[in-house]
Every structure is written in C-alpha cells, then in structure tokens.
Amino acid sequence: MLAINNTTILIGLIAGISSTALAKPKKFEEVNQGYTKVVSTIDGATSLFGLWKNAKEQQLLAELPRGWERKKFFIAVTPSAGVKFAGLQGNEAYIYLRKYNDRLAFIKPEISVRSTGDQSSKDSVDTIFTDTVMIDVPIIATGPNGQPVIDLDYLLVNNASKIAGPVARGVNSKLVSITKAKSFPKNLEVAFEMPTSGGLFKTIHYSISEVPERGSYKPRKADERVGYFGTAFRDLGQYHDEDKWVHYINRWDLQKRDPKLSLSPPKKTNCFLY
C-alpha cells in the first residue's frame, strides 16, 4: 500500500511539474493589472517596443515589435552610477530573437569568424562556428498588437550579469528601483538602480534599438591612426595568416548633402532620443 501511495505521489508530482512547465501564456488583461502604458513621444507615435510600468511593484512589461522575427537588435549597456567609469558605455550585444514554444531566446550570432573564400570554406565556418544563446525568458502573454510580451525587469535585472557583465554581478532583484523607462520609435531606454555584490548600489542603463539595414553605408578598413573604436573578425577564407584578421572602424552613417563639396552638411543628421 505504501509503494502504491509513493507511486501515486510521484506521478502526481510529475504531472504537477509537467503542467507548470507547459503552462500557456495568460491573457494580457490578466498580466498587466496595475501597469500603465509608457508613452514617451509628444505626438504619441508608435514606439519600437510596447512598454508598461508598474510603479508600485517597480516592474516593467514589454511587447516585441511587429516583424521581430526578421530583425536584429543592438543592446548597449551603460553603468551610470556606482562605478568610477560611470557614464561610459560598457557591454554591448548584437542579437536576434527566436521563439521556442512559450519561451523567447536572445541569440548572439557568430560574427567574429567569417569566410570570404570558396563555398566549402563558408560551409565549414557555418558548421563549426555556431550562434550562442545569451538568455531565454518566458513569454507571459500576447500583447495588444498580437506580439509576445515579456517581463522586462526579469530580463534586465534577474539576468543583469549575463548582459551587463561583471559590473552587475550579485544583483539583489528584491531591492530594485526603475530610474528610467522610455520607449521611442527606434529605441527603448530603461535604467535600474540596484544593489550588487557587496551591497553597493549601481545604476545600470540599457538601450535597445533595431539594427537598420546596411543600405548605402560603406564600411571603412582600419588604419594606423588612433582615436577610434573598431570591429575585428577572422576571415578563415584567407590562406595567409597576416590576411586573416580584418579590422573596421566604427563610424556613423553620415552622407554629404552635396557630394561635390569637400565639406558639406549631412544629408540626414543623427538624432538621439534618451
């Protein structure tokens, strides 16, 4: 009888675990109770991410943009208080998103190793150097625009060290304050004050934007000048070792309004919404 009871209990536990693991996302009306939609533009223009804030609980919800499956995103992290280098950009991540049942994976494409050689070389690189899952989070609902909704503070606070790096190690997610929550047509800006390892309060700012199509932008090879940041990768399609490392300068996509002038105003100025 005892064995039967133990078996019954075991089956019940397994069933309970399975039902929890396979729990479907709730209706948005259920999860956004106590939340207020964040509108950051004067004209109420549609933002890249839908954003909702619960001021009492200091929590955020975000709805993914339409077409997120085909987009690439850039996450820039800036420790803005609590460190000597406050205000200087720290970690960054180039990612895409993929849905696995009711979970959403943030995946970093492998771009540090490439090949400009023959097809066999390209196939080998694609086979050996694969992409990396940085974080995965549950999809908690489907938003007003029919897109997945995620718990944004769970992503950016509970997993802070995976995105922000060592500066966010040991975060106490129970003592968090939202210091910024804005969503614009091309970028999302959020910041959290939170105690980290040793109890030291730090403010971590996250900027998430869509990576635009390359268009007419032309990358420029790095040279011997100093004073710029760069991007480097290995080209395994090159035979000689000295040709395998490729370095590019990180620069803005600014084009001359009048190409004939040696010094011309830009065709389109950069605009930063923060």
C-alpha atoms as a PDB file:
ATOM      1  CA  MET A   1       0.000   0.000   0.000  1.00  0.00           C
ATOM      2  CA  LEU A   2       2.880   2.309   0.856  1.00  0.00           C
ATOM      3  CA  ALA A   3       4.516   1.606  -2.515  1.00  0.00           C
ATOM      4  CA  ILE A   4       1.263   2.410  -4.276  1.00  0.00           C
ATOM      5  CA  ASN A   5       0.940   5.669  -2.362  1.00  0.00           C
ATOM      6  CA  ASN A   6       4.542   6.607  -3.155  1.00  0.00           C
ATOM      7  CA  THR A   7       3.961   5.829  -6.810  1.00  0.00           C
ATOM      8  CA  THR A   8       0.771   7.844  -6.783  1.00  0.00           C
ATOM      9  CA  ILE A   9       2.550  10.763  -5.138  1.00  0.00           C
ATOM     10  CA  LEU A  10       5.412  10.529  -7.640  1.00  0.00           C
ATOM     11  CA  ILE A  11       3.007  10.504 -10.587  1.00  0.00           C
ATOM     12  CA  GLY A  12       1.184  13.467  -9.079  1.00  0.00           C
ATOM     13  CA  LEU A  13       4.439  15.395  -8.696  1.00  0.00           C
ATOM     14  CA  ILE A  14       5.450  14.666 -12.278  1.00  0.00           C
ATOM     15  CA  ALA A  15       2.029  15.738 -13.515  1.00  0.00           C
ATOM     16  CA  GLY A  16       2.281  18.939 -11.492  1.00  0.00           C
ATOM     17  CA  ILE A  17       5.732  19.737 -12.833  1.00  0.00           C
ATOM     18  CA  SER A  18       4.658  18.975 -16.389  1.00  0.00           C
ATOM     19  CA  SER A  19       1.577  21.179 -16.147  1.00  0.00           C
ATOM     20  CA  THR A  20       3.687  24.040 -14.797  1.00  0.00           C
ATOM     21  CA  ALA A  21       6.360  23.637 -17.458  1.00  0.00           C
ATOM     22  CA  LEU A  22       3.731  23.547 -20.184  1.00  0.00           C
ATOM     23  CA  ALA A  23       1.656  26.421 -18.767  1.00  0.00           C
ATOM     24  CA  LYS A  24       0.432  28.649 -21.565  1.00  0.00           C
ATOM     25  CA  PRO A  25       0.843  32.449 -21.543  1.00  0.00           C
ATOM     26  CA  LYS A  26      -2.013  34.277 -19.852  1.00  0.00           C
ATOM     27  CA  LYS A  27      -4.256  36.888 -21.396  1.00  0.00           C
ATOM     28  CA  PHE A  28      -2.663  40.323 -21.489  1.00  0.00           C
ATOM     29  CA  GLU A  29      -5.533  41.750 -19.426  1.00  0.00           C
ATOM     30  CA  GLU A  30      -4.524  39.402 -16.612  1.00  0.00           C
ATOM     31  CA  VAL A  31      -0.809  40.180 -16.520  1.00  0.00           C
ATOM     32  CA  ASN A  32      -0.955  43.958 -16.976  1.00  0.00           C
ATOM     33  CA  GLN A  33      -3.156  44.713 -13.990  1.00  0.00           C
ATOM     34  CA  GLY A  34      -1.532  47.575 -12.075  1.00  0.00           C
ATOM     35  CA  TYR A  35       0.561  48.571 -15.096  1.00  0.00           C
ATOM     36  CA  THR A  36       0.375  51.871 -17.001  1.00  0.00           C
ATOM     37  CA  LYS A  37       1.398  52.197 -20.642  1.00  0.00           C
ATOM     38  CA  VAL A  38       4.538  54.296 -21.105  1.00  0.00           C
ATOM     39  CA  VAL A  39       4.200  56.981 -23.803  1.00  0.00           C
ATOM     40  CA  SER A  40       7.450  58.861 -24.442  1.00  0.00           C
ATOM     41  CA  THR A  41       6.687  60.819 -27.632  1.00  0.00           C
ATOM     42  CA  ILE A  42       4.811  64.121 -27.764  1.00  0.00           C
ATOM     43  CA  ASP A  43       2.708  63.057 -30.740  1.00  0.00           C
ATOM     44  CA  GLY A  44       2.079  59.564 -29.364  1.00  0.00           C
ATOM     45  CA  ALA A  45       3.951  57.932 -32.258  1.00  0.00           C
ATOM     46  CA  THR A  46       4.177  54.151 -32.161  1.00  0.00           C
ATOM     47  CA  SER A  47       7.209  53.015 -30.195  1.00  0.00           C
ATOM     48  CA  LEU A  48       9.570  50.214 -31.164  1.00  0.00           C
ATOM     49  CA  PHE A  49       8.606  48.184 -28.096  1.00  0.00           C
ATOM     50  CA  GLY A  50       5.311  48.464 -26.273  1.00  0.00           C
ATOM     51  CA  LEU A  51       6.194  49.347 -22.665  1.00  0.00           C
ATOM     52  CA  TRP A  52       4.144  49.175 -19.449  1.00  0.00           C
ATOM     53  CA  LYS A  53       5.264  50.150 -15.948  1.00  0.00           C
ATOM     54  CA  ASN A  54       4.001  49.078 -12.544  1.00  0.00           C
ATOM     55  CA  ALA A  55       5.167  51.955 -10.326  1.00  0.00           C
ATOM     56  CA  LYS A  56       4.120  50.249  -7.102  1.00  0.00           C
ATOM     57  CA  GLU A  57       5.964  46.986  -7.751  1.00  0.00           C
ATOM     58  CA  GLN A  58       8.759  48.599  -9.819  1.00  0.00           C
ATOM     59  CA  GLN A  59       8.252  46.213 -12.710  1.00  0.00           C
ATOM     60  CA  LEU A  60       8.145  46.531 -16.499  1.00  0.00           C
ATOM     61  CA  LEU A  61       6.448  44.629 -19.309  1.00  0.00           C
ATOM     62  CA  ALA A  62       7.487  44.883 -22.957  1.00  0.00           C
ATOM     63  CA  GLU A  63       5.750  43.802 -26.150  1.00  0.00           C
ATOM     64  CA  LEU A  64       8.006  42.919 -29.061  1.00  0.00           C
ATOM     65  CA  PRO A  65       7.719  44.952 -32.275  1.00  0.00           C
ATOM     66  CA  ARG A  66       5.916  43.569 -35.303  1.00  0.00           C
ATOM     67  CA  GLY A  67       8.272  41.592 -37.518  1.00  0.00           C
ATOM     68  CA  TRP A  68      10.675  40.904 -34.649  1.00  0.00           C
ATOM     69  CA  GLU A  69      11.488  37.500 -36.155  1.00  0.00           C
ATOM     70  CA  ARG A  70      13.264  39.202 -39.076  1.00  0.00           C
ATOM     71  CA  LYS A  71      15.004  41.945 -37.107  1.00  0.00           C
ATOM     72  CA  LYS A  72      18.391  42.288 -35.466  1.00  0.00           C
ATOM     73  CA  PHE A  73      18.765  44.293 -32.260  1.00  0.00           C
ATOM     74  CA  PHE A  74      21.613  46.085 -30.501  1.00  0.00           C
ATOM     75  CA  ILE A  75      21.796  46.249 -26.705  1.00  0.00           C
ATOM     76  CA  ALA A  76      24.109  48.899 -25.250  1.00  0.00           C
ATOM     77  CA  VAL A  77      24.787  48.865 -21.508  1.00  0.00           C
ATOM     78  CA  THR A  78      25.989  51.919 -19.585  1.00  0.00           C
ATOM     79  CA  PRO A  79      26.743  51.836 -15.841  1.00  0.00           C
ATOM     80  CA  SER A  80      25.561  55.343 -14.925  1.00  0.00           C
ATOM     81  CA  ALA A  81      26.163  55.374 -11.152  1.00  0.00           C
ATOM     82  CA  GLY A  82      28.140  53.434  -8.566  1.00  0.00           C
ATOM     83  CA  VAL A  83      31.322  52.891 -10.595  1.00  0.00           C
ATOM     84  CA  LYS A  84      34.391  55.010 -11.367  1.00  0.00           C
ATOM     85  CA  PHE A  85      33.698  54.887 -15.099  1.00  0.00           C
ATOM     86  CA  ALA A  86      30.035  55.923 -14.749  1.00  0.00           C
ATOM     87  CA  GLY A  87      28.607  57.273 -17.989  1.00  0.00           C
ATOM     88  CA  LEU A  88      30.912  55.301 -20.273  1.00  0.00           C
ATOM     89  CA  GLN A  89      29.330  52.565 -22.355  1.00  0.00           C
ATOM     90  CA  GLY A  90      30.166  49.099 -21.127  1.00  0.00           C
ATOM     91  CA  ASN A  91      28.954  45.809 -22.561  1.00  0.00           C
ATOM     92  CA  GLU A  92      27.136  45.577 -25.855  1.00  0.00           C
ATOM     93  CA  ALA A  93      25.352  42.775 -27.666  1.00  0.00           C
ATOM     94  CA  TYR A  94      24.197  42.238 -31.247  1.00  0.00           C
ATOM     95  CA  ILE A  95      21.293  39.791 -31.112  1.00  0.00           C
ATOM     96  CA  TYR A  96      18.288  38.272 -32.794  1.00  0.00           C
ATOM     97  CA  LEU A  97      15.254  36.623 -31.197  1.00  0.00           C
ATOM     98  CA  ARG A  98      13.809  33.168 -31.669  1.00  0.00           C
ATOM     99  CA  LYS A  99      10.671  31.640 -30.190  1.00  0.00           C
ATOM    100  CA  TYR A 100      10.768  28.140 -28.699  1.00  0.00           C
ATOM    101  CA  ASN A 101       7.211  27.186 -27.734  1.00  0.00           C
ATOM    102  CA  ASP A 102       6.428  29.656 -24.939  1.00  0.00           C
ATOM    103  CA  ARG A 103       9.972  30.884 -24.400  1.00  0.00           C
ATOM    104  CA  LEU A 104      11.965  33.557 -26.166  1.00  0.00           C
ATOM    105  CA  ALA A 105      15.698  33.154 -26.761  1.00  0.00           C
ATOM    106  CA  PHE A 106      18.089  36.075 -27.146  1.00  0.00           C
ATOM    107  CA  ILE A 107      20.756  34.769 -29.509  1.00  0.00           C
ATOM    108  CA  LYS A 108      24.132  36.259 -30.391  1.00  0.00           C
ATOM    109  CA  PRO A 109      25.101  35.469 -33.997  1.00  0.00           C
ATOM    110  CA  GLU A 110      28.673  34.325 -34.518  1.00  0.00           C
ATOM    111  CA  ILE A 111      30.249  37.239 -36.368  1.00  0.00           C
ATOM    112  CA  SER A 112      33.812  37.077 -35.035  1.00  0.00           C
ATOM    113  CA  VAL A 113      34.720  34.317 -37.505  1.00  0.00           C
ATOM    114  CA  ARG A 114      33.714  34.503 -41.170  1.00  0.00           C
ATOM    115  CA  SER A 115      34.845  33.388 -44.595  1.00  0.00           C
ATOM    116  CA  THR A 116      35.148  35.190 -47.905  1.00  0.00           C
ATOM    117  CA  GLY A 117      36.644  32.100 -49.513  1.00  0.00           C
ATOM    118  CA  ASP A 118      35.015  29.397 -51.612  1.00  0.00           C
ATOM    119  CA  GLN A 119      31.686  27.798 -50.733  1.00  0.00           C
ATOM    120  CA  SER A 120      33.357  24.873 -48.985  1.00  0.00           C
ATOM    121  CA  SER A 121      35.159  27.287 -46.663  1.00  0.00           C
ATOM    122  CA  LYS A 122      31.936  29.199 -45.945  1.00  0.00           C
ATOM    123  CA  ASP A 123      30.049  25.979 -45.212  1.00  0.00           C
ATOM    124  CA  SER A 124      32.784  24.838 -42.821  1.00  0.00           C
ATOM    125  CA  VAL A 125      32.685  28.119 -40.897  1.00  0.00           C
ATOM    126  CA  ASP A 126      28.884  27.957 -40.638  1.00  0.00           C
ATOM    127  CA  THR A 127      29.079  24.374 -39.373  1.00  0.00           C
ATOM    128  CA  ILE A 128      31.821  24.869 -36.791  1.00  0.00           C
ATOM    129  CA  PHE A 129      31.241  28.407 -35.510  1.00  0.00           C
ATOM    130  CA  THR A 130      27.610  28.483 -34.426  1.00  0.00           C
ATOM    131  CA  ASP A 131      25.472  31.104 -32.683  1.00  0.00           C
ATOM    132  CA  THR A 132      25.132  31.413 -28.897  1.00  0.00           C
ATOM    133  CA  VAL A 133      22.039  31.675 -26.695  1.00  0.00           C
ATOM    134  CA  MET A 134      22.668  34.558 -24.308  1.00  0.00           C
ATOM    135  CA  ILE A 135      19.406  34.385 -22.327  1.00  0.00           C
ATOM    136  CA  ASP A 136      15.991  32.796 -22.635  1.00  0.00           C
ATOM    137  CA  VAL A 137      12.879  34.143 -20.916  1.00  0.00           C
ATOM    138  CA  PRO A 138       9.237  33.049 -20.731  1.00  0.00           C
ATOM    139  CA  ILE A 139       6.589  34.636 -22.928  1.00  0.00           C
ATOM    140  CA  ILE A 140       3.968  35.679 -20.391  1.00  0.00           C
ATOM    141  CA  ALA A 141       1.215  36.929 -22.712  1.00  0.00           C
ATOM    142  CA  THR A 142       0.287  38.129 -26.180  1.00  0.00           C
ATOM    143  CA  GLY A 143       0.110  41.919 -26.328  1.00  0.00           C
ATOM    144  CA  PRO A 144      -2.398  44.336 -27.889  1.00  0.00           C
ATOM    145  CA  ASN A 145      -0.511  44.193 -31.197  1.00  0.00           C
ATOM    146  CA  GLY A 146      -0.531  40.405 -31.238  1.00  0.00           C
ATOM    147  CA  GLN A 147       3.154  40.097 -30.335  1.00  0.00           C
ATOM    148  CA  PRO A 148       4.881  38.277 -27.446  1.00  0.00           C
ATOM    149  CA  VAL A 149       5.046  40.093 -24.104  1.00  0.00           C
ATOM    150  CA  ILE A 150       7.971  39.519 -21.734  1.00  0.00           C
ATOM    151  CA  ASP A 151       8.813  40.537 -18.185  1.00  0.00           C
ATOM    152  CA  LEU A 152      11.429  43.198 -18.930  1.00  0.00           C
ATOM    153  CA  ASP A 153      12.802  43.553 -15.416  1.00  0.00           C
ATOM    154  CA  TYR A 154      13.216  39.770 -15.218  1.00  0.00           C
ATOM    155  CA  LEU A 155      15.296  40.003 -18.390  1.00  0.00           C
ATOM    156  CA  LEU A 156      17.395  43.036 -17.440  1.00  0.00           C
ATOM    157  CA  VAL A 157      17.617  42.705 -13.644  1.00  0.00           C
ATOM    158  CA  ASN A 158      17.498  38.994 -12.812  1.00  0.00           C
ATOM    159  CA  ASN A 159      19.838  38.298 -15.741  1.00  0.00           C
ATOM    160  CA  ALA A 160      21.828  41.521 -15.441  1.00  0.00           C
ATOM    161  CA  SER A 161      25.253  39.883 -15.196  1.00  0.00           C
ATOM    162  CA  LYS A 162      24.648  37.982 -18.454  1.00  0.00           C
ATOM    163  CA  ILE A 163      24.047  41.252 -20.306  1.00  0.00           C
ATOM    164  CA  ALA A 164      25.908  43.943 -18.362  1.00  0.00           C
ATOM    165  CA  GLY A 165      28.788  41.696 -17.326  1.00  0.00           C
ATOM    166  CA  PRO A 166      30.764  41.740 -14.040  1.00  0.00           C
ATOM    167  CA  VAL A 167      29.557  45.250 -13.167  1.00  0.00           C
ATOM    168  CA  ALA A 168      26.121  43.743 -12.402  1.00  0.00           C
ATOM    169  CA  ARG A 169      27.305  40.659 -10.584  1.00  0.00           C
ATOM    170  CA  GLY A 170      25.390  39.699  -7.439  1.00  0.00           C
ATOM    171  CA  VAL A 171      22.298  41.831  -8.089  1.00  0.00           C
ATOM    172  CA  ASN A 172      19.632  41.765  -5.377  1.00  0.00           C
ATOM    173  CA  SER A 173      16.485  41.723  -7.503  1.00  0.00           C
ATOM    174  CA  LYS A 174      14.274  42.348  -4.447  1.00  0.00           C
ATOM    175  CA  LEU A 175      15.641  45.868  -3.941  1.00  0.00           C
ATOM    176  CA  VAL A 176      15.318  47.423  -7.388  1.00  0.00           C
ATOM    177  CA  SER A 177      14.104  50.867  -8.442  1.00  0.00           C
ATOM    178  CA  ILE A 178      13.288  51.899 -12.001  1.00  0.00           C
ATOM    179  CA  THR A 179      15.075  55.186 -12.707  1.00  0.00           C
ATOM    180  CA  LYS A 180      14.167  55.446 -16.379  1.00  0.00           C
ATOM    181  CA  ALA A 181      11.550  53.867 -18.634  1.00  0.00           C
ATOM    182  CA  LYS A 182      11.076  55.368 -22.097  1.00  0.00           C
ATOM    183  CA  SER A 183      10.165  53.861 -25.441  1.00  0.00           C
ATOM    184  CA  PHE A 184      10.693  55.673 -28.738  1.00  0.00           C
ATOM    185  CA  PRO A 185      10.022  54.696 -32.373  1.00  0.00           C
ATOM    186  CA  LYS A 186      13.589  53.427 -32.832  1.00  0.00           C
ATOM    187  CA  ASN A 187      14.862  52.629 -29.355  1.00  0.00           C
ATOM    188  CA  LEU A 188      13.963  51.567 -25.832  1.00  0.00           C
ATOM    189  CA  GLU A 189      15.702  53.234 -22.859  1.00  0.00           C
ATOM    190  CA  VAL A 190      15.415  51.772 -19.355  1.00  0.00           C
ATOM    191  CA  ALA A 191      17.575  52.034 -16.234  1.00  0.00           C
ATOM    192  CA  PHE A 192      17.521  50.357 -12.843  1.00  0.00           C
ATOM    193  CA  GLU A 193      19.129  51.226  -9.528  1.00  0.00           C
ATOM    194  CA  MET A 194      20.014  48.005  -7.738  1.00  0.00           C
ATOM    195  CA  PRO A 195      22.408  46.730  -5.074  1.00  0.00           C
ATOM    196  CA  THR A 196      25.076  44.459  -6.489  1.00  0.00           C
ATOM    197  CA  SER A 197      27.754  42.258  -4.936  1.00  0.00           C
ATOM    198  CA  GLY A 198      28.709  43.627  -1.521  1.00  0.00           C
ATOM    199  CA  GLY A 199      25.525  45.698  -1.339  1.00  0.00           C
ATOM    200  CA  LEU A 200      26.898  48.571  -3.450  1.00  0.00           C
ATOM    201  CA  PHE A 201      24.145  50.448  -5.274  1.00  0.00           C
ATOM    202  CA  LYS A 202      24.684  50.794  -9.004  1.00  0.00           C
ATOM    203  CA  THR A 203      22.515  52.185 -11.766  1.00  0.00           C
ATOM    204  CA  ILE A 204      22.580  50.203 -14.997  1.00  0.00           C
ATOM    205  CA  HIS A 205      21.173  51.792 -18.144  1.00  0.00           C
ATOM    206  CA  TYR A 206      20.064  49.676 -21.099  1.00  0.00           C
ATOM    207  CA  SER A 207      19.473  50.955 -24.615  1.00  0.00           C
ATOM    208  CA  ILE A 208      17.836  48.519 -27.041  1.00  0.00           C
ATOM    209  CA  SER A 209      17.490  49.522 -30.685  1.00  0.00           C
ATOM    210  CA  GLU A 210      16.762  47.886 -34.008  1.00  0.00           C
ATOM    211  CA  VAL A 211      19.789  47.465 -36.249  1.00  0.00           C
ATOM    212  CA  PRO A 212      18.917  49.107 -39.590  1.00  0.00           C
ATOM    213  CA  GLU A 213      19.621  47.600 -42.970  1.00  0.00           C
ATOM    214  CA  ARG A 214      23.054  48.474 -44.280  1.00  0.00           C
ATOM    215  CA  GLY A 215      21.739  50.488 -47.233  1.00  0.00           C
ATOM    216  CA  SER A 216      24.411  52.705 -48.805  1.00  0.00           C
ATOM    217  CA  TYR A 217      26.715  52.541 -45.790  1.00  0.00           C
ATOM    218  CA  LYS A 218      30.257  51.513 -46.743  1.00  0.00           C
ATOM    219  CA  PRO A 219      32.483  50.018 -44.026  1.00  0.00           C
ATOM    220  CA  ARG A 220      35.970  51.515 -43.825  1.00  0.00           C
ATOM    221  CA  LYS A 221      39.043  49.450 -43.099  1.00  0.00           C
ATOM    222  CA  ALA A 222      41.016  50.489 -40.029  1.00  0.00           C
ATOM    223  CA  ASP A 223      44.411  52.132 -40.479  1.00  0.00           C
ATOM    224  CA  GLU A 224      47.292  53.243 -38.267  1.00  0.00           C
ATOM    225  CA  ARG A 225      45.521  56.310 -36.896  1.00  0.00           C
ATOM    226  CA  VAL A 226      44.359  56.252 -33.275  1.00  0.00           C
ATOM    227  CA  GLY A 227      41.302  57.651 -31.535  1.00  0.00           C
ATOM    228  CA  TYR A 228      38.595  55.356 -32.862  1.00  0.00           C
ATOM    229  CA  PHE A 229      36.866  52.168 -31.799  1.00  0.00           C
ATOM    230  CA  GLY A 230      36.899  49.233 -34.139  1.00  0.00           C
ATOM    231  CA  THR A 231      35.370  45.900 -35.035  1.00  0.00           C
ATOM    232  CA  ALA A 232      37.544  42.924 -35.905  1.00  0.00           C
ATOM    233  CA  PHE A 233      36.899  39.409 -37.164  1.00  0.00           C
ATOM    234  CA  ARG A 234      38.843  36.437 -38.520  1.00  0.00           C
ATOM    235  CA  ASP A 235      38.415  35.602 -42.177  1.00  0.00           C
ATOM    236  CA  LEU A 236      39.207  31.892 -42.469  1.00  0.00           C
ATOM    237  CA  GLY A 237      38.729  32.067 -46.216  1.00  0.00           C
ATOM    238  CA  GLN A 238      42.154  33.731 -46.474  1.00  0.00           C
ATOM    239  CA  TYR A 239      45.184  31.485 -46.886  1.00  0.00           C
ATOM    240  CA  HIS A 240      47.916  33.647 -45.316  1.00  0.00           C
ATOM    241  CA  ASP A 241      47.810  34.311 -41.560  1.00  0.00           C
ATOM    242  CA  GLU A 242      48.545  38.021 -41.998  1.00  0.00           C
ATOM    243  CA  ASP A 243      45.384  38.377 -44.096  1.00  0.00           C
ATOM    244  CA  LYS A 244      43.030  36.552 -41.750  1.00  0.00           C
ATOM    245  CA  TRP A 245      42.390  39.403 -39.310  1.00  0.00           C
ATOM    246  CA  VAL A 246      40.117  42.127 -40.685  1.00  0.00           C
ATOM    247  CA  HIS A 247      39.654  45.421 -38.811  1.00  0.00           C
ATOM    248  CA  TYR A 248      36.970  48.031 -39.468  1.00  0.00           C
ATOM    249  CA  ILE A 249      36.440  51.472 -37.954  1.00  0.00           C
ATOM    250  CA  ASN A 250      33.195  52.055 -36.073  1.00  0.00           C
ATOM    251  CA  ARG A 251      31.676  55.236 -37.514  1.00  0.00           C
ATOM    252  CA  TRP A 252      28.360  56.972 -38.084  1.00  0.00           C
ATOM    253  CA  ASP A 253      26.482  56.600 -41.344  1.00  0.00           C
ATOM    254  CA  LEU A 254      26.680  60.276 -42.334  1.00  0.00           C
ATOM    255  CA  GLN A 255      26.454  61.197 -46.016  1.00  0.00           C
ATOM    256  CA  LYS A 256      27.119  64.523 -47.677  1.00  0.00           C
ATOM    257  CA  ARG A 257      24.121  66.540 -48.745  1.00  0.00           C
ATOM    258  CA  ASP A 258      26.231  67.801 -51.643  1.00  0.00           C
ATOM    259  CA  PRO A 259      28.859  65.204 -52.688  1.00  0.00           C
ATOM    260  CA  LYS A 260      30.747  67.806 -54.752  1.00  0.00           C
ATOM    261  CA  LEU A 261      31.717  69.839 -51.683  1.00  0.00           C
ATOM    262  CA  SER A 262      34.790  68.938 -49.655  1.00  0.00           C
ATOM    263  CA  LEU A 263      32.869  69.911 -46.511  1.00  0.00           C
ATOM    264  CA  SER A 264      29.099  69.536 -46.650  1.00  0.00           C
ATOM    265  CA  PRO A 265      26.225  69.389 -44.144  1.00  0.00           C
ATOM    266  CA  PRO A 266      24.938  65.832 -43.703  1.00  0.00           C
ATOM    267  CA  LYS A 267      22.057  64.562 -45.788  1.00  0.00           C
ATOM    268  CA  LYS A 268      20.434  63.452 -42.548  1.00  0.00           C
ATOM    269  CA  THR A 269      21.609  64.380 -39.060  1.00  0.00           C
ATOM    270  CA  ASN A 270      21.845  61.897 -36.218  1.00  0.00           C
ATOM    271  CA  CYS A 271      19.070  62.215 -33.647  1.00  0.00           C
ATOM    272  CA  PHE A 272      19.405  60.645 -30.206  1.00  0.00           C
ATOM    273  CA  LEU A 273      16.314  60.088 -28.046  1.00  0.00           C
ATOM    274  CA  TYR A 274      17.294  59.325 -24.478  1.00  0.00           C
END
